[in-house]
Amino acid sequence: VNAKIKTFQMLKQKYRNRRKRYNLRVNLICALINFDRNMMV
């Protein structure tokens, strides 16, 4: 799972914007990965 998350550039580098937006983006990325994993089953 971590390898799939790190394919997004945002999580590879130091994040310099607002924490609220960071949490929103991480949640969206995780939702996309979970959606993709559920489609494979």
PDB file of N, CA and C in Angstrom:
ATOM      1  N   VAL A   1       0.832  -1.192   0.000  1.00  0.00           N
ATOM      2  CA  VAL A   1       0.000   0.000   0.000  1.00  0.00           C
ATOM      3  C   VAL A   1       0.875   1.253   0.000  1.00  0.00           C
ATOM      4  N   ASN A   2       1.935   1.257   0.800  1.00  0.00           N
ATOM      5  CA  ASN A   2       2.800   2.432   0.855  1.00  0.00           C
ATOM      6  C   ASN A   2       3.422   2.742  -0.496  1.00  0.00           C
ATOM      7  N   ALA A   3       3.758   1.719  -1.258  1.00  0.00           N
ATOM      8  CA  ALA A   3       4.348   1.948  -2.579  1.00  0.00           C
ATOM      9  C   ALA A   3       3.356   2.640  -3.502  1.00  0.00           C
ATOM     10  N   LYS A   4       2.087   2.260  -3.422  1.00  0.00           N
ATOM     11  CA  LYS A   4       1.085   2.909  -4.264  1.00  0.00           C
ATOM     12  C   LYS A   4       0.863   4.355  -3.838  1.00  0.00           C
ATOM     13  N   ILE A   5       0.894   4.604  -2.534  1.00  0.00           N
ATOM     14  CA  ILE A   5       0.699   5.972  -2.049  1.00  0.00           C
ATOM     15  C   ILE A   5       1.866   6.855  -2.481  1.00  0.00           C
ATOM     16  N   LYS A   6       3.076   6.320  -2.438  1.00  0.00           N
ATOM     17  CA  LYS A   6       4.246   7.123  -2.769  1.00  0.00           C
ATOM     18  C   LYS A   6       4.389   7.394  -4.260  1.00  0.00           C
ATOM     19  N   THR A   7       3.570   6.771  -5.104  1.00  0.00           N
ATOM     20  CA  THR A   7       3.622   7.102  -6.523  1.00  0.00           C
ATOM     21  C   THR A   7       3.104   8.513  -6.762  1.00  0.00           C
ATOM     22  N   PHE A   8       2.362   9.047  -5.800  1.00  0.00           N
ATOM     23  CA  PHE A   8       1.899  10.422  -5.907  1.00  0.00           C
ATOM     24  C   PHE A   8       3.027  11.346  -5.448  1.00  0.00           C
ATOM     25  N   GLN A   9       3.389  12.310  -6.262  1.00  0.00           N
ATOM     26  CA  GLN A   9       4.502  13.215  -5.980  1.00  0.00           C
ATOM     27  C   GLN A   9       4.333  13.954  -4.659  1.00  0.00           C
ATOM     28  N   MET A  10       3.087  14.246  -4.280  1.00  0.00           N
ATOM     29  CA  MET A  10       2.845  15.031  -3.074  1.00  0.00           C
ATOM     30  C   MET A  10       3.416  14.347  -1.834  1.00  0.00           C
ATOM     31  N   LEU A  11       3.379  13.022  -1.804  1.00  0.00           N
ATOM     32  CA  LEU A  11       3.818  12.307  -0.616  1.00  0.00           C
ATOM     33  C   LEU A  11       5.296  11.951  -0.653  1.00  0.00           C
ATOM     34  N   LYS A  12       5.957  12.189  -1.775  1.00  0.00           N
ATOM     35  CA  LYS A  12       7.386  11.908  -1.867  1.00  0.00           C
ATOM     36  C   LYS A  12       8.215  13.053  -1.306  1.00  0.00           C
ATOM     37  N   GLN A  13       7.693  14.264  -1.422  1.00  0.00           N
ATOM     38  CA  GLN A  13       8.457  15.447  -1.051  1.00  0.00           C
ATOM     39  C   GLN A  13       7.873  16.089   0.204  1.00  0.00           C
ATOM     40  N   LYS A  14       8.608  17.042   0.740  1.00  0.00           N
ATOM     41  CA  LYS A  14       8.129  17.792   1.901  1.00  0.00           C
ATOM     42  C   LYS A  14       6.961  18.674   1.480  1.00  0.00           C
ATOM     43  N   TYR A  15       5.870  18.604   2.222  1.00  0.00           N
ATOM     44  CA  TYR A  15       4.671  19.370   1.896  1.00  0.00           C
ATOM     45  C   TYR A  15       4.755  20.737   2.556  1.00  0.00           C
ATOM     46  N   ARG A  16       4.535  21.809   1.794  1.00  0.00           N
ATOM     47  CA  ARG A  16       4.767  23.159   2.290  1.00  0.00           C
ATOM     48  C   ARG A  16       3.499  24.008   2.398  1.00  0.00           C
ATOM     49  N   ASN A  17       2.351  23.412   2.172  1.00  0.00           N
ATOM     50  CA  ASN A  17       1.111  24.185   2.223  1.00  0.00           C
ATOM     51  C   ASN A  17       0.354  23.911   3.515  1.00  0.00           C
ATOM     52  N   ARG A  18      -0.890  24.346   3.568  1.00  0.00           N
ATOM     53  CA  ARG A  18      -1.690  24.222   4.783  1.00  0.00           C
ATOM     54  C   ARG A  18      -1.946  22.769   5.154  1.00  0.00           C
ATOM     55  N   ARG A  19      -1.954  22.506   6.441  1.00  0.00           N
ATOM     56  CA  ARG A  19      -2.155  21.143   6.947  1.00  0.00           C
ATOM     57  C   ARG A  19      -3.550  20.620   6.585  1.00  0.00           C
ATOM     58  N   LYS A  20      -4.555  21.499   6.618  1.00  0.00           N
ATOM     59  CA  LYS A  20      -5.917  21.068   6.311  1.00  0.00           C
ATOM     60  C   LYS A  20      -6.000  20.522   4.889  1.00  0.00           C
ATOM     61  N   ARG A  21      -5.378  21.207   3.962  1.00  0.00           N
ATOM     62  CA  ARG A  21      -5.387  20.744   2.575  1.00  0.00           C
ATOM     63  C   ARG A  21      -4.599  19.452   2.420  1.00  0.00           C
ATOM     64  N   TYR A  22      -3.523  19.317   3.169  1.00  0.00           N
ATOM     65  CA  TYR A  22      -2.719  18.098   3.115  1.00  0.00           C
ATOM     66  C   TYR A  22      -3.560  16.900   3.539  1.00  0.00           C
ATOM     67  N   ASN A  23      -4.285  17.055   4.640  1.00  0.00           N
ATOM     68  CA  ASN A  23      -5.139  15.963   5.119  1.00  0.00           C
ATOM     69  C   ASN A  23      -6.213  15.614   4.103  1.00  0.00           C
ATOM     70  N   LEU A  24      -6.794  16.620   3.470  1.00  0.00           N
ATOM     71  CA  LEU A  24      -7.811  16.377   2.460  1.00  0.00           C
ATOM     72  C   LEU A  24      -7.222  15.596   1.290  1.00  0.00           C
ATOM     73  N   ARG A  25      -6.060  16.006   0.837  1.00  0.00           N
ATOM     74  CA  ARG A  25      -5.435  15.328  -0.303  1.00  0.00           C
ATOM     75  C   ARG A  25      -5.027  13.904   0.031  1.00  0.00           C
ATOM     76  N   VAL A  26      -4.500  13.697   1.225  1.00  0.00           N
ATOM     77  CA  VAL A  26      -4.125  12.333   1.627  1.00  0.00           C
ATOM     78  C   VAL A  26      -5.368  11.455   1.696  1.00  0.00           C
ATOM     79  N   ASN A  27      -6.450  11.978   2.227  1.00  0.00           N
ATOM     80  CA  ASN A  27      -7.695  11.203   2.295  1.00  0.00           C
ATOM     81  C   ASN A  27      -8.212  10.862   0.902  1.00  0.00           C
ATOM     82  N   LEU A  28      -8.113  11.801  -0.024  1.00  0.00           N
ATOM     83  CA  LEU A  28      -8.562  11.535  -1.390  1.00  0.00           C
ATOM     84  C   LEU A  28      -7.690  10.485  -2.070  1.00  0.00           C
ATOM     85  N   ILE A  29      -6.385  10.576  -1.872  1.00  0.00           N
ATOM     86  CA  ILE A  29      -5.473   9.595  -2.462  1.00  0.00           C
ATOM     87  C   ILE A  29      -5.752   8.208  -1.898  1.00  0.00           C
ATOM     88  N   CYS A  30      -5.933   8.120  -0.589  1.00  0.00           N
ATOM     89  CA  CYS A  30      -6.232   6.824   0.035  1.00  0.00           C
ATOM     90  C   CYS A  30      -7.571   6.277  -0.450  1.00  0.00           C
ATOM     91  N   ALA A  31      -8.537   7.151  -0.653  1.00  0.00           N
ATOM     92  CA  ALA A  31      -9.834   6.706  -1.159  1.00  0.00           C
ATOM     93  C   ALA A  31      -9.696   6.145  -2.570  1.00  0.00           C
ATOM     94  N   LEU A  32      -8.898   6.794  -3.404  1.00  0.00           N
ATOM     95  CA  LEU A  32      -8.680   6.290  -4.761  1.00  0.00           C
ATOM     96  C   LEU A  32      -7.993   4.932  -4.747  1.00  0.00           C
ATOM     97  N   ILE A  33      -7.010   4.774  -3.887  1.00  0.00           N
ATOM     98  CA  ILE A  33      -6.297   3.498  -3.798  1.00  0.00           C
ATOM     99  C   ILE A  33      -7.228   2.408  -3.285  1.00  0.00           C
ATOM    100  N   ASN A  34      -8.027   2.715  -2.272  1.00  0.00           N
ATOM    101  CA  ASN A  34      -8.983   1.730  -1.755  1.00  0.00           C
ATOM    102  C   ASN A  34     -10.021   1.360  -2.809  1.00  0.00           C
ATOM    103  N   PHE A  35     -10.471   2.338  -3.568  1.00  0.00           N
ATOM    104  CA  PHE A  35     -11.428   2.075  -4.641  1.00  0.00           C
ATOM    105  C   PHE A  35     -10.816   1.144  -5.676  1.00  0.00           C
ATOM    106  N   ASP A  36      -9.567   1.411  -6.040  1.00  0.00           N
ATOM    107  CA  ASP A  36      -8.867   0.586  -7.022  1.00  0.00           C
ATOM    108  C   ASP A  36      -8.684  -0.839  -6.497  1.00  0.00           C
ATOM    109  N   ARG A  37      -8.339  -0.972  -5.233  1.00  0.00           N
ATOM    110  CA  ARG A  37      -8.148  -2.304  -4.635  1.00  0.00           C
ATOM    111  C   ARG A  37      -9.458  -3.078  -4.589  1.00  0.00           C
ATOM    112  N   ASN A  38     -10.569  -2.394  -4.334  1.00  0.00           N
ATOM    113  CA  ASN A  38     -11.870  -3.066  -4.286  1.00  0.00           C
ATOM    114  C   ASN A  38     -12.335  -3.494  -5.672  1.00  0.00           C
ATOM    115  N   MET A  39     -11.937  -2.753  -6.694  1.00  0.00           N
ATOM    116  CA  MET A  39     -12.314  -3.109  -8.056  1.00  0.00           C
ATOM    117  C   MET A  39     -11.567  -4.353  -8.525  1.00  0.00           C
ATOM    118  N   MET A  40     -10.386  -4.607  -7.974  1.00  0.00           N
ATOM    119  CA  MET A  40      -9.596  -5.773  -8.370  1.00  0.00           C
ATOM    120  C   MET A  40     -10.176  -7.068  -7.810  1.00  0.00           C
ATOM    121  N   VAL A  41     -10.893  -6.979  -6.719  1.00  0.00           N
ATOM    122  CA  VAL A  41     -11.407  -8.187  -6.050  1.00  0.00           C
ATOM    123  C   VAL A  41     -12.595  -8.725  -6.748  1.00  0.00           C
TER     124      VAL A  41
END
